[in-house]
Amino acid sequence: MLDFTTWPTSRIHVDIAGRTWALERIADLETLWDAMEDEGDDNHIPYWVELWPASLVLARWLEDNPESIRGKRCLDLGCGLGLTALIASSLGARVVALDYEWPAVYFARKNTAINQVPSPLWVQMDWCRPAFRPAVFDCIWGGDILYEQRFFEPIATLFDRMLAPKGRIILGTPERTVTQPVWGQLIQKGWQVREIETTRQALHTMDMSVKLMQLTL
């Protein structure tokens, strides 16, 4: 596995939740992507190094709904560079932030110190095999995590096992053909699915239509 800790870094700056957030990441993205392609493992594609439009939409929901997370146990699923976890922590949430990739957790921890907020608990973990006790999280969220069909079933299982009674799940999801079936599948499993909003979100070279969805039981 490549050691990214010695690579040059740069920072993304995002204005949201009443302040500017600085997110450190690897500077040379092209070399990073090429190196990961050479590794030949689709499970380790470095999506974590990008800040995705869906995360900004989700971050605004957190900013607008602090009472929904303050003092509550929350899970950030696929935390990446850590933006939504850091915002939630700054608003008083008790956040566990999970990512499959250890470099994501490494940079997210660095970004805690850079932004001087209470630290979430950063965890490297496979969401197919979550090691949390059942029904522990009052709120679970994820930005752009339903991008492959093979993730639908394990994520749905995690939701069912980990969400506390009367809890909620908030998903920021770009409008993709691959994602459309998941809502019907979740309804069949007993979830109540509600669209909060659909918004157009531009970020750097990306411009996506993002749905913000709420799941409850």
N, C-alpha and C. Protein backbone atom coordinates (compact mmCIF):
# COMPACT_ATOMS: atom_id res chain seq x y z
N MET A 1 0.84 -1.20 0.00
CA MET A 1 0.00 0.00 0.00
C MET A 1 0.88 1.25 0.00
N LEU A 2 0.49 2.24 -0.77
CA LEU A 2 1.27 3.47 -0.87
C LEU A 2 1.20 4.27 0.43
N ASP A 3 2.31 4.91 0.77
CA ASP A 3 2.36 5.78 1.95
C ASP A 3 2.20 7.23 1.48
N PHE A 4 1.00 7.78 1.72
CA PHE A 4 0.71 9.14 1.25
C PHE A 4 1.17 10.21 2.24
N THR A 5 1.62 9.83 3.42
CA THR A 5 1.89 10.82 4.45
C THR A 5 3.07 11.71 4.12
N THR A 6 3.93 11.29 3.19
CA THR A 6 5.10 12.08 2.83
C THR A 6 4.89 12.91 1.56
N TRP A 7 3.73 12.78 0.93
CA TRP A 7 3.47 13.50 -0.31
C TRP A 7 3.18 14.98 -0.04
N PRO A 8 3.53 15.88 -0.97
CA PRO A 8 3.16 17.29 -0.81
C PRO A 8 1.64 17.46 -0.71
N THR A 9 1.22 18.46 0.04
CA THR A 9 -0.21 18.68 0.26
C THR A 9 -0.62 20.09 -0.16
N SER A 10 -1.91 20.25 -0.33
CA SER A 10 -2.50 21.57 -0.57
C SER A 10 -3.79 21.64 0.24
N ARG A 11 -4.43 22.80 0.23
CA ARG A 11 -5.66 22.97 1.01
C ARG A 11 -6.80 23.49 0.14
N ILE A 12 -7.98 22.92 0.37
CA ILE A 12 -9.23 23.43 -0.18
C ILE A 12 -9.85 24.33 0.88
N HIS A 13 -10.45 25.44 0.48
CA HIS A 13 -11.14 26.32 1.41
C HIS A 13 -12.61 26.40 1.04
N VAL A 14 -13.46 26.20 2.04
CA VAL A 14 -14.90 26.16 1.84
C VAL A 14 -15.57 27.09 2.83
N ASP A 15 -16.42 27.99 2.35
CA ASP A 15 -17.17 28.89 3.22
C ASP A 15 -18.55 28.31 3.48
N ILE A 16 -18.78 27.88 4.72
CA ILE A 16 -20.06 27.29 5.08
C ILE A 16 -20.16 27.26 6.61
N ALA A 17 -21.39 27.27 7.11
CA ALA A 17 -21.64 27.22 8.55
C ALA A 17 -20.97 28.39 9.27
N GLY A 18 -20.98 29.57 8.62
CA GLY A 18 -20.53 30.79 9.26
C GLY A 18 -19.03 30.96 9.37
N ARG A 19 -18.26 30.16 8.63
CA ARG A 19 -16.81 30.30 8.71
C ARG A 19 -16.18 29.66 7.48
N THR A 20 -14.87 29.84 7.36
CA THR A 20 -14.10 29.20 6.29
C THR A 20 -13.42 27.96 6.84
N TRP A 21 -13.63 26.84 6.15
CA TRP A 21 -13.03 25.57 6.54
C TRP A 21 -11.86 25.26 5.60
N ALA A 22 -10.76 24.84 6.17
CA ALA A 22 -9.58 24.45 5.39
C ALA A 22 -9.43 22.94 5.45
N LEU A 23 -9.36 22.33 4.29
CA LEU A 23 -9.23 20.87 4.21
C LEU A 23 -7.94 20.52 3.49
N GLU A 24 -7.02 19.92 4.22
CA GLU A 24 -5.75 19.53 3.64
C GLU A 24 -5.89 18.19 2.93
N ARG A 25 -5.21 18.07 1.80
CA ARG A 25 -5.24 16.83 1.03
C ARG A 25 -3.95 16.73 0.21
N ILE A 26 -3.77 15.63 -0.47
CA ILE A 26 -2.63 15.47 -1.37
C ILE A 26 -2.72 16.48 -2.50
N ALA A 27 -1.60 17.11 -2.83
CA ALA A 27 -1.61 18.20 -3.82
C ALA A 27 -1.69 17.68 -5.25
N ASP A 28 -0.96 16.64 -5.56
CA ASP A 28 -0.86 16.16 -6.94
C ASP A 28 -1.89 15.05 -7.16
N LEU A 29 -3.11 15.45 -7.52
CA LEU A 29 -4.19 14.48 -7.65
C LEU A 29 -3.98 13.55 -8.84
N GLU A 30 -3.41 14.08 -9.91
CA GLU A 30 -3.22 13.26 -11.11
C GLU A 30 -2.26 12.10 -10.83
N THR A 31 -1.15 12.40 -10.15
CA THR A 31 -0.20 11.34 -9.81
C THR A 31 -0.83 10.34 -8.85
N LEU A 32 -1.63 10.83 -7.92
CA LEU A 32 -2.31 9.94 -6.98
C LEU A 32 -3.22 8.96 -7.70
N TRP A 33 -4.07 9.48 -8.59
CA TRP A 33 -4.99 8.61 -9.32
C TRP A 33 -4.23 7.61 -10.18
N ASP A 34 -3.15 8.06 -10.83
CA ASP A 34 -2.35 7.15 -11.65
C ASP A 34 -1.73 6.04 -10.79
N ALA A 35 -1.25 6.42 -9.62
CA ALA A 35 -0.62 5.44 -8.73
C ALA A 35 -1.63 4.40 -8.26
N MET A 36 -2.86 4.84 -7.97
CA MET A 36 -3.87 3.91 -7.51
C MET A 36 -4.33 2.99 -8.63
N GLU A 37 -4.39 3.52 -9.85
CA GLU A 37 -4.73 2.66 -10.99
C GLU A 37 -3.67 1.58 -11.18
N ASP A 38 -2.41 1.94 -10.95
CA ASP A 38 -1.33 0.96 -11.07
C ASP A 38 -1.46 -0.14 -10.01
N GLU A 39 -2.05 0.21 -8.85
CA GLU A 39 -2.26 -0.79 -7.81
C GLU A 39 -3.29 -1.82 -8.24
N GLY A 40 -4.24 -1.41 -9.12
CA GLY A 40 -5.18 -2.34 -9.71
C GLY A 40 -6.26 -2.85 -8.77
N ASP A 41 -6.64 -2.08 -7.75
CA ASP A 41 -7.66 -2.52 -6.80
C ASP A 41 -8.80 -1.51 -6.80
N ASP A 42 -9.95 -1.92 -7.33
CA ASP A 42 -11.10 -1.01 -7.42
C ASP A 42 -11.63 -0.62 -6.05
N ASN A 43 -11.32 -1.41 -5.02
CA ASN A 43 -11.81 -1.09 -3.68
C ASN A 43 -11.05 0.07 -3.05
N HIS A 44 -9.94 0.48 -3.67
CA HIS A 44 -9.12 1.54 -3.08
C HIS A 44 -8.98 2.74 -4.01
N ILE A 45 -9.95 2.96 -4.86
CA ILE A 45 -9.95 4.18 -5.68
C ILE A 45 -10.06 5.38 -4.74
N PRO A 46 -9.22 6.40 -4.89
CA PRO A 46 -9.15 7.48 -3.89
C PRO A 46 -10.23 8.55 -4.03
N TYR A 47 -11.49 8.13 -3.97
CA TYR A 47 -12.58 9.11 -3.99
C TYR A 47 -12.50 10.07 -2.81
N TRP A 48 -11.88 9.62 -1.72
CA TRP A 48 -11.79 10.42 -0.51
C TRP A 48 -11.05 11.74 -0.71
N VAL A 49 -10.17 11.81 -1.71
CA VAL A 49 -9.33 12.99 -1.89
C VAL A 49 -10.10 14.17 -2.48
N GLU A 50 -11.28 13.91 -3.04
CA GLU A 50 -12.11 14.97 -3.60
C GLU A 50 -13.14 15.44 -2.58
N LEU A 51 -13.53 16.70 -2.67
CA LEU A 51 -14.69 17.20 -1.96
C LEU A 51 -15.84 17.23 -2.96
N TRP A 52 -16.88 16.46 -2.70
CA TRP A 52 -17.95 16.25 -3.67
C TRP A 52 -19.12 17.19 -3.42
N PRO A 53 -19.82 17.62 -4.47
CA PRO A 53 -20.96 18.54 -4.31
C PRO A 53 -21.98 18.04 -3.30
N ALA A 54 -22.24 16.74 -3.25
CA ALA A 54 -23.22 16.22 -2.31
C ALA A 54 -22.84 16.52 -0.86
N SER A 55 -21.55 16.57 -0.57
CA SER A 55 -21.11 16.88 0.79
C SER A 55 -21.44 18.31 1.18
N LEU A 56 -21.37 19.23 0.22
CA LEU A 56 -21.74 20.62 0.51
C LEU A 56 -23.23 20.75 0.80
N VAL A 57 -24.05 20.05 0.02
CA VAL A 57 -25.49 20.07 0.26
C VAL A 57 -25.80 19.50 1.65
N LEU A 58 -25.16 18.41 1.98
CA LEU A 58 -25.33 17.80 3.29
C LEU A 58 -24.83 18.72 4.41
N ALA A 59 -23.71 19.39 4.17
CA ALA A 59 -23.16 20.31 5.17
C ALA A 59 -24.13 21.44 5.47
N ARG A 60 -24.81 21.94 4.44
CA ARG A 60 -25.78 23.02 4.67
C ARG A 60 -26.96 22.52 5.49
N TRP A 61 -27.37 21.27 5.26
CA TRP A 61 -28.46 20.73 6.09
C TRP A 61 -28.04 20.68 7.55
N LEU A 62 -26.82 20.24 7.83
CA LEU A 62 -26.33 20.22 9.20
C LEU A 62 -26.32 21.62 9.79
N GLU A 63 -25.85 22.59 9.01
CA GLU A 63 -25.82 23.98 9.47
C GLU A 63 -27.22 24.48 9.80
N ASP A 64 -28.20 24.11 8.98
CA ASP A 64 -29.57 24.61 9.15
C ASP A 64 -30.36 23.85 10.20
N ASN A 65 -29.86 22.70 10.65
CA ASN A 65 -30.61 21.85 11.59
C ASN A 65 -29.75 21.43 12.78
N PRO A 66 -29.13 22.38 13.46
CA PRO A 66 -28.24 21.99 14.56
C PRO A 66 -28.96 21.27 15.69
N GLU A 67 -30.25 21.59 15.88
CA GLU A 67 -31.00 20.94 16.95
C GLU A 67 -31.20 19.45 16.70
N SER A 68 -31.06 19.04 15.45
CA SER A 68 -31.23 17.62 15.11
C SER A 68 -30.02 16.78 15.47
N ILE A 69 -28.88 17.42 15.73
CA ILE A 69 -27.65 16.68 15.98
C ILE A 69 -26.96 17.06 17.29
N ARG A 70 -27.27 18.21 17.84
CA ARG A 70 -26.54 18.69 19.02
C ARG A 70 -26.72 17.72 20.19
N GLY A 71 -25.60 17.27 20.75
CA GLY A 71 -25.63 16.36 21.88
C GLY A 71 -25.97 14.93 21.54
N LYS A 72 -26.15 14.63 20.27
CA LYS A 72 -26.58 13.29 19.86
C LYS A 72 -25.43 12.50 19.25
N ARG A 73 -25.55 11.19 19.35
CA ARG A 73 -24.56 10.31 18.73
C ARG A 73 -24.83 10.24 17.24
N CYS A 74 -23.84 10.57 16.45
CA CYS A 74 -24.00 10.67 14.99
C CYS A 74 -22.90 9.89 14.29
N LEU A 75 -23.24 9.35 13.12
CA LEU A 75 -22.28 8.61 12.31
C LEU A 75 -22.18 9.26 10.94
N ASP A 76 -20.96 9.66 10.57
CA ASP A 76 -20.66 10.15 9.23
C ASP A 76 -20.10 8.97 8.45
N LEU A 77 -20.86 8.52 7.46
CA LEU A 77 -20.53 7.30 6.73
C LEU A 77 -19.79 7.66 5.44
N GLY A 78 -18.52 7.27 5.35
CA GLY A 78 -17.70 7.67 4.21
C GLY A 78 -17.26 9.11 4.35
N CYS A 79 -16.51 9.40 5.42
CA CYS A 79 -16.26 10.79 5.83
C CYS A 79 -15.30 11.53 4.91
N GLY A 80 -14.45 10.83 4.15
CA GLY A 80 -13.52 11.52 3.27
C GLY A 80 -12.61 12.46 4.03
N LEU A 81 -12.47 13.68 3.55
CA LEU A 81 -11.59 14.66 4.18
C LEU A 81 -12.16 15.24 5.47
N GLY A 82 -13.42 14.92 5.78
CA GLY A 82 -13.95 15.23 7.10
C GLY A 82 -14.85 16.44 7.23
N LEU A 83 -15.23 17.10 6.13
CA LEU A 83 -15.96 18.36 6.24
C LEU A 83 -17.24 18.23 7.05
N THR A 84 -18.12 17.30 6.70
CA THR A 84 -19.41 17.24 7.40
C THR A 84 -19.23 16.80 8.85
N ALA A 85 -18.29 15.93 9.12
CA ALA A 85 -18.04 15.53 10.50
C ALA A 85 -17.53 16.71 11.33
N LEU A 86 -16.65 17.53 10.76
CA LEU A 86 -16.12 18.68 11.47
C LEU A 86 -17.21 19.71 11.74
N ILE A 87 -18.06 19.96 10.75
CA ILE A 87 -19.15 20.91 10.95
C ILE A 87 -20.09 20.41 12.04
N ALA A 88 -20.46 19.14 11.98
CA ALA A 88 -21.36 18.59 12.99
C ALA A 88 -20.74 18.66 14.38
N SER A 89 -19.46 18.36 14.49
CA SER A 89 -18.78 18.44 15.77
C SER A 89 -18.77 19.87 16.31
N SER A 90 -18.57 20.84 15.42
CA SER A 90 -18.57 22.24 15.84
C SER A 90 -19.95 22.68 16.33
N LEU A 91 -21.00 21.98 15.89
CA LEU A 91 -22.37 22.29 16.29
C LEU A 91 -22.81 21.51 17.52
N GLY A 92 -21.90 20.74 18.09
CA GLY A 92 -22.20 20.05 19.34
C GLY A 92 -22.58 18.60 19.21
N ALA A 93 -22.48 18.02 18.02
CA ALA A 93 -22.79 16.60 17.85
C ALA A 93 -21.64 15.74 18.37
N ARG A 94 -21.96 14.53 18.76
CA ARG A 94 -20.96 13.54 19.20
C ARG A 94 -20.75 12.61 18.01
N VAL A 95 -19.72 12.90 17.23
CA VAL A 95 -19.59 12.31 15.90
C VAL A 95 -18.56 11.19 15.86
N VAL A 96 -18.97 10.07 15.29
CA VAL A 96 -18.06 9.04 14.83
C VAL A 96 -18.01 9.15 13.31
N ALA A 97 -16.81 9.27 12.75
CA ALA A 97 -16.65 9.46 11.31
C ALA A 97 -15.87 8.28 10.74
N LEU A 98 -16.47 7.61 9.78
CA LEU A 98 -15.95 6.34 9.27
C LEU A 98 -15.54 6.47 7.82
N ASP A 99 -14.39 5.89 7.48
CA ASP A 99 -14.02 5.74 6.07
C ASP A 99 -13.26 4.43 5.91
N TYR A 100 -13.40 3.85 4.73
CA TYR A 100 -12.72 2.59 4.41
C TYR A 100 -11.23 2.79 4.19
N GLU A 101 -10.85 4.00 3.79
CA GLU A 101 -9.47 4.28 3.41
C GLU A 101 -8.72 4.96 4.55
N TRP A 102 -7.58 4.37 4.95
CA TRP A 102 -6.83 4.98 6.04
C TRP A 102 -6.28 6.36 5.70
N PRO A 103 -5.90 6.69 4.43
CA PRO A 103 -5.45 8.06 4.17
C PRO A 103 -6.55 9.09 4.41
N ALA A 104 -7.81 8.72 4.15
CA ALA A 104 -8.91 9.64 4.44
C ALA A 104 -8.95 9.95 5.93
N VAL A 105 -8.84 8.93 6.75
CA VAL A 105 -8.86 9.13 8.20
C VAL A 105 -7.64 9.95 8.64
N TYR A 106 -6.50 9.70 8.03
CA TYR A 106 -5.28 10.44 8.35
C TYR A 106 -5.47 11.94 8.09
N PHE A 107 -5.96 12.28 6.89
CA PHE A 107 -6.14 13.70 6.56
C PHE A 107 -7.30 14.31 7.33
N ALA A 108 -8.35 13.55 7.58
CA ALA A 108 -9.47 14.09 8.36
C ALA A 108 -9.01 14.47 9.77
N ARG A 109 -8.17 13.63 10.37
CA ARG A 109 -7.64 13.97 11.69
C ARG A 109 -6.78 15.23 11.63
N LYS A 110 -5.97 15.37 10.59
CA LYS A 110 -5.19 16.60 10.43
C LYS A 110 -6.11 17.81 10.31
N ASN A 111 -7.22 17.64 9.61
CA ASN A 111 -8.13 18.75 9.39
C ASN A 111 -8.86 19.16 10.66
N THR A 112 -8.97 18.25 11.62
CA THR A 112 -9.51 18.63 12.93
C THR A 112 -8.62 19.68 13.58
N ALA A 113 -7.33 19.43 13.59
CA ALA A 113 -6.39 20.37 14.21
C ALA A 113 -6.33 21.68 13.44
N ILE A 114 -6.34 21.60 12.12
CA ILE A 114 -6.28 22.81 11.30
C ILE A 114 -7.47 23.72 11.58
N ASN A 115 -8.65 23.13 11.74
CA ASN A 115 -9.87 23.92 11.91
C ASN A 115 -10.26 24.17 13.36
N GLN A 116 -9.51 23.57 14.29
CA GLN A 116 -9.66 23.84 15.72
C GLN A 116 -11.10 23.66 16.19
N VAL A 117 -11.62 22.46 15.96
CA VAL A 117 -12.94 22.09 16.47
C VAL A 117 -12.78 20.83 17.32
N PRO A 118 -13.77 20.52 18.18
CA PRO A 118 -13.70 19.27 18.94
C PRO A 118 -13.58 18.08 17.98
N SER A 119 -12.71 17.16 18.31
CA SER A 119 -12.41 16.09 17.37
C SER A 119 -13.50 15.02 17.35
N PRO A 120 -14.02 14.70 16.17
CA PRO A 120 -14.81 13.48 16.05
C PRO A 120 -13.92 12.27 16.34
N LEU A 121 -14.55 11.12 16.52
CA LEU A 121 -13.81 9.87 16.60
C LEU A 121 -13.64 9.36 15.18
N TRP A 122 -12.42 9.44 14.67
CA TRP A 122 -12.13 9.02 13.30
C TRP A 122 -11.82 7.53 13.27
N VAL A 123 -12.51 6.79 12.41
CA VAL A 123 -12.41 5.34 12.41
C VAL A 123 -12.21 4.83 10.99
N GLN A 124 -11.18 3.99 10.79
CA GLN A 124 -11.06 3.26 9.54
C GLN A 124 -11.83 1.96 9.69
N MET A 125 -12.84 1.77 8.83
CA MET A 125 -13.71 0.60 8.97
C MET A 125 -14.41 0.33 7.65
N ASP A 126 -14.70 -0.93 7.42
CA ASP A 126 -15.47 -1.36 6.25
C ASP A 126 -16.95 -1.31 6.61
N TRP A 127 -17.74 -0.53 5.87
CA TRP A 127 -19.17 -0.45 6.20
C TRP A 127 -19.90 -1.76 5.93
N CYS A 128 -19.26 -2.70 5.26
CA CYS A 128 -19.84 -4.04 5.11
C CYS A 128 -19.71 -4.85 6.40
N ARG A 129 -18.79 -4.45 7.29
CA ARG A 129 -18.56 -5.15 8.55
C ARG A 129 -18.41 -4.13 9.69
N PRO A 130 -19.45 -3.37 9.97
CA PRO A 130 -19.34 -2.34 11.00
C PRO A 130 -19.22 -2.95 12.39
N ALA A 131 -18.30 -2.40 13.18
CA ALA A 131 -18.01 -2.95 14.51
C ALA A 131 -18.58 -2.06 15.61
N PHE A 132 -19.82 -1.62 15.45
CA PHE A 132 -20.49 -0.82 16.47
C PHE A 132 -21.59 -1.67 17.11
N ARG A 133 -21.94 -1.31 18.34
CA ARG A 133 -23.08 -2.01 18.93
C ARG A 133 -24.37 -1.54 18.25
N PRO A 134 -25.40 -2.37 18.25
CA PRO A 134 -26.63 -2.02 17.51
C PRO A 134 -27.34 -0.81 18.10
N ALA A 135 -28.09 -0.14 17.23
CA ALA A 135 -29.02 0.93 17.61
C ALA A 135 -28.35 2.03 18.43
N VAL A 136 -27.14 2.43 18.03
CA VAL A 136 -26.37 3.37 18.84
C VAL A 136 -26.43 4.80 18.32
N PHE A 137 -26.76 5.02 17.03
CA PHE A 137 -26.66 6.35 16.44
C PHE A 137 -28.03 6.99 16.24
N ASP A 138 -28.16 8.23 16.74
CA ASP A 138 -29.40 8.99 16.57
C ASP A 138 -29.54 9.55 15.17
N CYS A 139 -28.42 9.84 14.54
CA CYS A 139 -28.42 10.38 13.18
C CYS A 139 -27.24 9.80 12.42
N ILE A 140 -27.52 9.33 11.22
CA ILE A 140 -26.49 8.83 10.31
C ILE A 140 -26.58 9.62 9.02
N TRP A 141 -25.45 10.03 8.48
CA TRP A 141 -25.49 10.73 7.20
C TRP A 141 -24.35 10.28 6.30
N GLY A 142 -24.51 10.56 5.02
CA GLY A 142 -23.47 10.25 4.05
C GLY A 142 -23.66 11.09 2.81
N GLY A 143 -22.54 11.55 2.25
CA GLY A 143 -22.57 12.34 1.02
C GLY A 143 -22.02 11.55 -0.14
N ASP A 144 -22.87 11.23 -1.11
CA ASP A 144 -22.47 10.53 -2.33
C ASP A 144 -21.85 9.17 -2.02
N ILE A 145 -22.58 8.35 -1.26
CA ILE A 145 -22.07 7.01 -0.91
C ILE A 145 -22.77 5.90 -1.69
N LEU A 146 -23.82 6.22 -2.44
CA LEU A 146 -24.57 5.19 -3.16
C LEU A 146 -24.21 5.19 -4.65
N TYR A 147 -22.92 5.17 -4.94
CA TYR A 147 -22.49 5.32 -6.32
C TYR A 147 -22.25 3.98 -7.02
N GLU A 148 -22.39 2.87 -6.28
CA GLU A 148 -22.29 1.54 -6.89
C GLU A 148 -23.37 0.65 -6.29
N GLN A 149 -24.01 -0.17 -7.14
CA GLN A 149 -25.09 -1.03 -6.67
C GLN A 149 -24.62 -2.01 -5.60
N ARG A 150 -23.38 -2.44 -5.66
CA ARG A 150 -22.90 -3.44 -4.69
C ARG A 150 -22.87 -2.90 -3.27
N PHE A 151 -22.97 -1.58 -3.11
CA PHE A 151 -22.99 -1.00 -1.78
C PHE A 151 -24.39 -0.96 -1.18
N PHE A 152 -25.44 -1.09 -1.99
CA PHE A 152 -26.80 -0.85 -1.51
C PHE A 152 -27.15 -1.77 -0.33
N GLU A 153 -26.93 -3.07 -0.51
CA GLU A 153 -27.35 -4.02 0.52
C GLU A 153 -26.56 -3.87 1.82
N PRO A 154 -25.22 -3.79 1.78
CA PRO A 154 -24.50 -3.61 3.05
C PRO A 154 -24.81 -2.29 3.74
N ILE A 155 -25.03 -1.23 2.98
CA ILE A 155 -25.37 0.05 3.60
C ILE A 155 -26.76 -0.03 4.22
N ALA A 156 -27.71 -0.64 3.53
CA ALA A 156 -29.06 -0.80 4.09
C ALA A 156 -29.01 -1.64 5.37
N THR A 157 -28.17 -2.67 5.38
CA THR A 157 -28.03 -3.50 6.58
C THR A 157 -27.43 -2.69 7.73
N LEU A 158 -26.43 -1.87 7.43
CA LEU A 158 -25.85 -1.01 8.46
C LEU A 158 -26.90 -0.06 9.02
N PHE A 159 -27.68 0.57 8.14
CA PHE A 159 -28.74 1.47 8.60
C PHE A 159 -29.67 0.75 9.58
N ASP A 160 -30.10 -0.44 9.18
CA ASP A 160 -31.07 -1.19 9.98
C ASP A 160 -30.50 -1.57 11.34
N ARG A 161 -29.22 -1.89 11.38
CA ARG A 161 -28.59 -2.34 12.63
C ARG A 161 -28.18 -1.19 13.54
N MET A 162 -27.75 -0.07 12.97
CA MET A 162 -27.07 0.95 13.76
C MET A 162 -27.95 2.14 14.15
N LEU A 163 -29.07 2.35 13.47
CA LEU A 163 -29.89 3.52 13.78
C LEU A 163 -30.69 3.29 15.06
N ALA A 164 -30.63 4.27 15.95
CA ALA A 164 -31.38 4.19 17.20
C ALA A 164 -32.87 4.40 16.94
N PRO A 165 -33.73 3.94 17.84
CA PRO A 165 -35.16 4.21 17.69
C PRO A 165 -35.43 5.71 17.58
N LYS A 166 -36.33 6.07 16.67
CA LYS A 166 -36.69 7.46 16.38
C LYS A 166 -35.54 8.25 15.74
N GLY A 167 -34.51 7.55 15.28
CA GLY A 167 -33.42 8.22 14.60
C GLY A 167 -33.75 8.53 13.15
N ARG A 168 -32.80 9.20 12.50
CA ARG A 168 -32.99 9.53 11.09
C ARG A 168 -31.67 9.39 10.34
N ILE A 169 -31.81 9.18 9.04
CA ILE A 169 -30.67 9.09 8.13
C ILE A 169 -30.84 10.17 7.08
N ILE A 170 -29.77 10.91 6.81
CA ILE A 170 -29.78 11.96 5.80
C ILE A 170 -28.72 11.63 4.76
N LEU A 171 -29.15 11.55 3.50
CA LEU A 171 -28.24 11.21 2.41
C LEU A 171 -28.24 12.30 1.36
N GLY A 172 -27.06 12.79 1.02
CA GLY A 172 -26.89 13.68 -0.12
C GLY A 172 -26.45 12.84 -1.30
N THR A 173 -27.29 12.78 -2.34
CA THR A 173 -27.07 11.82 -3.42
C THR A 173 -27.25 12.48 -4.78
N PRO A 174 -26.21 12.54 -5.60
CA PRO A 174 -26.39 13.05 -6.96
C PRO A 174 -27.38 12.20 -7.74
N GLU A 175 -28.07 12.83 -8.67
CA GLU A 175 -29.04 12.11 -9.49
C GLU A 175 -28.29 11.28 -10.52
N ARG A 176 -28.20 9.99 -10.26
CA ARG A 176 -27.55 9.04 -11.15
C ARG A 176 -28.51 7.89 -11.43
N THR A 177 -28.42 7.34 -12.62
CA THR A 177 -29.27 6.21 -12.99
C THR A 177 -29.04 5.04 -12.04
N VAL A 178 -27.80 4.80 -11.65
CA VAL A 178 -27.48 3.66 -10.81
C VAL A 178 -28.15 3.74 -9.44
N THR A 179 -28.44 4.96 -8.98
CA THR A 179 -28.98 5.14 -7.64
C THR A 179 -30.50 5.02 -7.59
N GLN A 180 -31.18 5.21 -8.70
CA GLN A 180 -32.64 5.29 -8.69
C GLN A 180 -33.32 4.09 -8.03
N PRO A 181 -32.87 2.84 -8.26
CA PRO A 181 -33.58 1.71 -7.65
C PRO A 181 -33.50 1.65 -6.13
N VAL A 182 -32.53 2.31 -5.52
CA VAL A 182 -32.29 2.11 -4.09
C VAL A 182 -33.46 2.58 -3.24
N TRP A 183 -34.16 3.63 -3.67
CA TRP A 183 -35.24 4.17 -2.84
C TRP A 183 -36.39 3.18 -2.74
N GLY A 184 -36.74 2.56 -3.85
CA GLY A 184 -37.77 1.53 -3.82
C GLY A 184 -37.35 0.33 -2.99
N GLN A 185 -36.08 -0.04 -3.07
CA GLN A 185 -35.59 -1.15 -2.27
C GLN A 185 -35.68 -0.84 -0.78
N LEU A 186 -35.36 0.39 -0.40
CA LEU A 186 -35.44 0.78 1.01
C LEU A 186 -36.89 0.80 1.49
N ILE A 187 -37.80 1.27 0.66
CA ILE A 187 -39.22 1.27 1.02
C ILE A 187 -39.70 -0.16 1.25
N GLN A 188 -39.28 -1.08 0.40
CA GLN A 188 -39.66 -2.48 0.56
C GLN A 188 -39.13 -3.07 1.86
N LYS A 189 -38.02 -2.54 2.35
CA LYS A 189 -37.45 -3.01 3.61
C LYS A 189 -38.10 -2.34 4.82
N GLY A 190 -39.07 -1.45 4.59
CA GLY A 190 -39.79 -0.84 5.69
C GLY A 190 -39.42 0.59 6.02
N TRP A 191 -38.50 1.17 5.25
CA TRP A 191 -38.09 2.54 5.50
C TRP A 191 -39.10 3.53 4.93
N GLN A 192 -39.27 4.64 5.62
CA GLN A 192 -40.00 5.78 5.08
C GLN A 192 -38.98 6.70 4.43
N VAL A 193 -39.17 6.97 3.16
CA VAL A 193 -38.22 7.74 2.37
C VAL A 193 -38.86 9.06 1.97
N ARG A 194 -38.20 10.16 2.32
CA ARG A 194 -38.73 11.49 1.98
C ARG A 194 -37.65 12.34 1.34
N GLU A 195 -37.99 12.98 0.23
CA GLU A 195 -37.07 13.92 -0.39
C GLU A 195 -37.18 15.27 0.31
N ILE A 196 -36.08 15.74 0.86
CA ILE A 196 -36.05 17.04 1.52
C ILE A 196 -35.94 18.15 0.48
N GLU A 197 -35.03 17.98 -0.46
CA GLU A 197 -34.85 18.98 -1.51
C GLU A 197 -34.01 18.39 -2.64
N THR A 198 -34.10 19.03 -3.79
CA THR A 198 -33.17 18.78 -4.89
C THR A 198 -32.56 20.12 -5.26
N THR A 199 -31.25 20.15 -5.32
CA THR A 199 -30.57 21.42 -5.59
C THR A 199 -29.41 21.19 -6.56
N ARG A 200 -29.11 22.23 -7.30
CA ARG A 200 -27.95 22.19 -8.20
C ARG A 200 -26.75 22.70 -7.43
N GLN A 201 -25.69 21.92 -7.41
CA GLN A 201 -24.50 22.30 -6.64
C GLN A 201 -23.26 22.21 -7.52
N ALA A 202 -22.60 23.35 -7.68
CA ALA A 202 -21.33 23.39 -8.40
C ALA A 202 -20.18 23.40 -7.40
N LEU A 203 -19.09 22.76 -7.78
CA LEU A 203 -17.90 22.74 -6.94
C LEU A 203 -16.70 22.43 -7.82
N HIS A 204 -15.77 23.39 -7.89
CA HIS A 204 -14.59 23.23 -8.75
C HIS A 204 -15.06 22.95 -10.18
N THR A 205 -14.68 21.82 -10.74
CA THR A 205 -15.07 21.50 -12.12
C THR A 205 -16.34 20.67 -12.18
N MET A 206 -16.95 20.37 -11.04
CA MET A 206 -18.15 19.53 -11.00
C MET A 206 -19.40 20.38 -10.85
N ASP A 207 -20.47 19.94 -11.46
CA ASP A 207 -21.78 20.60 -11.35
C ASP A 207 -22.83 19.50 -11.37
N MET A 208 -23.48 19.25 -10.23
CA MET A 208 -24.38 18.10 -10.11
C MET A 208 -25.72 18.52 -9.53
N SER A 209 -26.76 17.82 -9.94
CA SER A 209 -28.06 17.91 -9.30
C SER A 209 -28.07 16.91 -8.14
N VAL A 210 -28.28 17.41 -6.93
CA VAL A 210 -28.14 16.59 -5.73
C VAL A 210 -29.48 16.51 -5.00
N LYS A 211 -29.91 15.29 -4.71
CA LYS A 211 -31.08 15.07 -3.88
C LYS A 211 -30.65 14.92 -2.43
N LEU A 212 -31.38 15.57 -1.53
CA LEU A 212 -31.18 15.37 -0.11
C LEU A 212 -32.37 14.55 0.40
N MET A 213 -32.08 13.33 0.86
CA MET A 213 -33.12 12.37 1.22
C MET A 213 -33.06 12.06 2.71
N GLN A 214 -34.25 11.86 3.31
CA GLN A 214 -34.34 11.45 4.71
C GLN A 214 -34.96 10.07 4.79
N LEU A 215 -34.37 9.21 5.62
CA LEU A 215 -34.90 7.87 5.88
C LEU A 215 -35.24 7.76 7.36
N THR A 216 -36.41 7.23 7.65
CA THR A 216 -36.81 6.93 9.02
C THR A 216 -37.57 5.60 9.03
N LEU A 217 -37.70 5.02 10.23
CA LEU A 217 -38.47 3.79 10.38
C LEU A 217 -39.78 4.09 11.10
